[in-house]
Amino acid sequence: MMVVAAFRDLGASHVYELVSAANEVSRRMVEACGLRHAPDLVCGLATREQAARFTR
């Protein structure tokens, strides 16, 4: 519903899902939702060394 609203109400044109290449289970779930890997897109995140991690 949130994605539909983003397209309808905010004029979004794309959906980006970030999944670790090592997280096979999450990658399969994302692909089952109809999204596909786009090897030409690259994303990075910089954090301080002592900052809490977002992943398990």
Protein backbone atom coordinates (compact mmCIF):
# COMPACT_ATOMS: atom_id res chain seq x y z
CA MET A 1 0.00 0.00 0.00
CA MET A 2 2.82 2.39 0.78
CA VAL A 3 4.43 1.80 -2.62
CA VAL A 4 1.11 2.37 -4.39
CA ALA A 5 0.63 5.63 -2.48
CA ALA A 6 4.16 6.76 -3.32
CA PHE A 7 3.47 6.31 -7.03
CA ARG A 8 -0.06 7.70 -6.94
CA ASP A 9 0.34 10.60 -4.50
CA LEU A 10 4.01 11.53 -4.72
CA GLY A 11 4.80 10.78 -8.36
CA ALA A 12 7.42 8.10 -7.66
CA SER A 13 8.87 6.42 -10.73
CA HIS A 14 11.01 3.59 -9.27
CA VAL A 15 11.27 1.23 -6.30
CA TYR A 16 14.69 0.40 -4.87
CA GLU A 17 15.18 -2.52 -2.50
CA LEU A 18 18.57 -2.99 -0.87
CA VAL A 19 19.54 -6.58 -0.04
CA SER A 20 22.97 -7.94 0.74
CA ALA A 21 24.36 -10.20 -1.96
CA ALA A 22 25.13 -12.70 0.81
CA ASN A 23 21.52 -12.78 2.07
CA GLU A 24 20.08 -15.43 -0.23
CA VAL A 25 16.76 -15.75 1.64
CA SER A 26 16.01 -12.02 1.39
CA ARG A 27 17.09 -11.95 -2.26
CA ARG A 28 14.62 -14.75 -3.09
CA MET A 29 11.82 -12.93 -1.22
CA VAL A 30 12.49 -9.70 -3.12
CA GLU A 31 12.56 -11.54 -6.45
CA ALA A 32 9.27 -13.30 -5.53
CA CYS A 33 7.74 -9.82 -5.14
CA GLY A 34 8.58 -9.12 -8.78
CA LEU A 35 11.72 -7.02 -8.37
CA ARG A 36 14.83 -7.90 -10.33
CA HIS A 37 18.54 -7.31 -9.86
CA ALA A 38 19.94 -4.33 -11.78
CA PRO A 39 23.73 -4.81 -11.91
CA ASP A 40 24.25 -1.27 -13.26
CA LEU A 41 22.94 0.28 -10.02
CA VAL A 42 25.37 0.64 -7.14
CA CYS A 43 24.69 1.85 -3.61
CA GLY A 44 26.94 2.36 -0.61
CA LEU A 45 26.59 3.35 3.02
CA ALA A 46 29.25 4.91 5.21
CA THR A 47 29.12 4.75 8.99
CA ARG A 48 31.54 5.45 11.79
CA GLU A 49 33.56 2.40 12.78
CA GLN A 50 32.02 2.30 16.28
CA ALA A 51 28.45 2.96 15.11
CA ALA A 52 25.80 0.29 15.63
CA ARG A 53 25.27 -1.98 12.62
CA PHE A 54 21.89 -2.28 10.89
CA THR A 55 22.28 -5.98 10.12
CA ARG A 56 22.44 -9.00 12.37
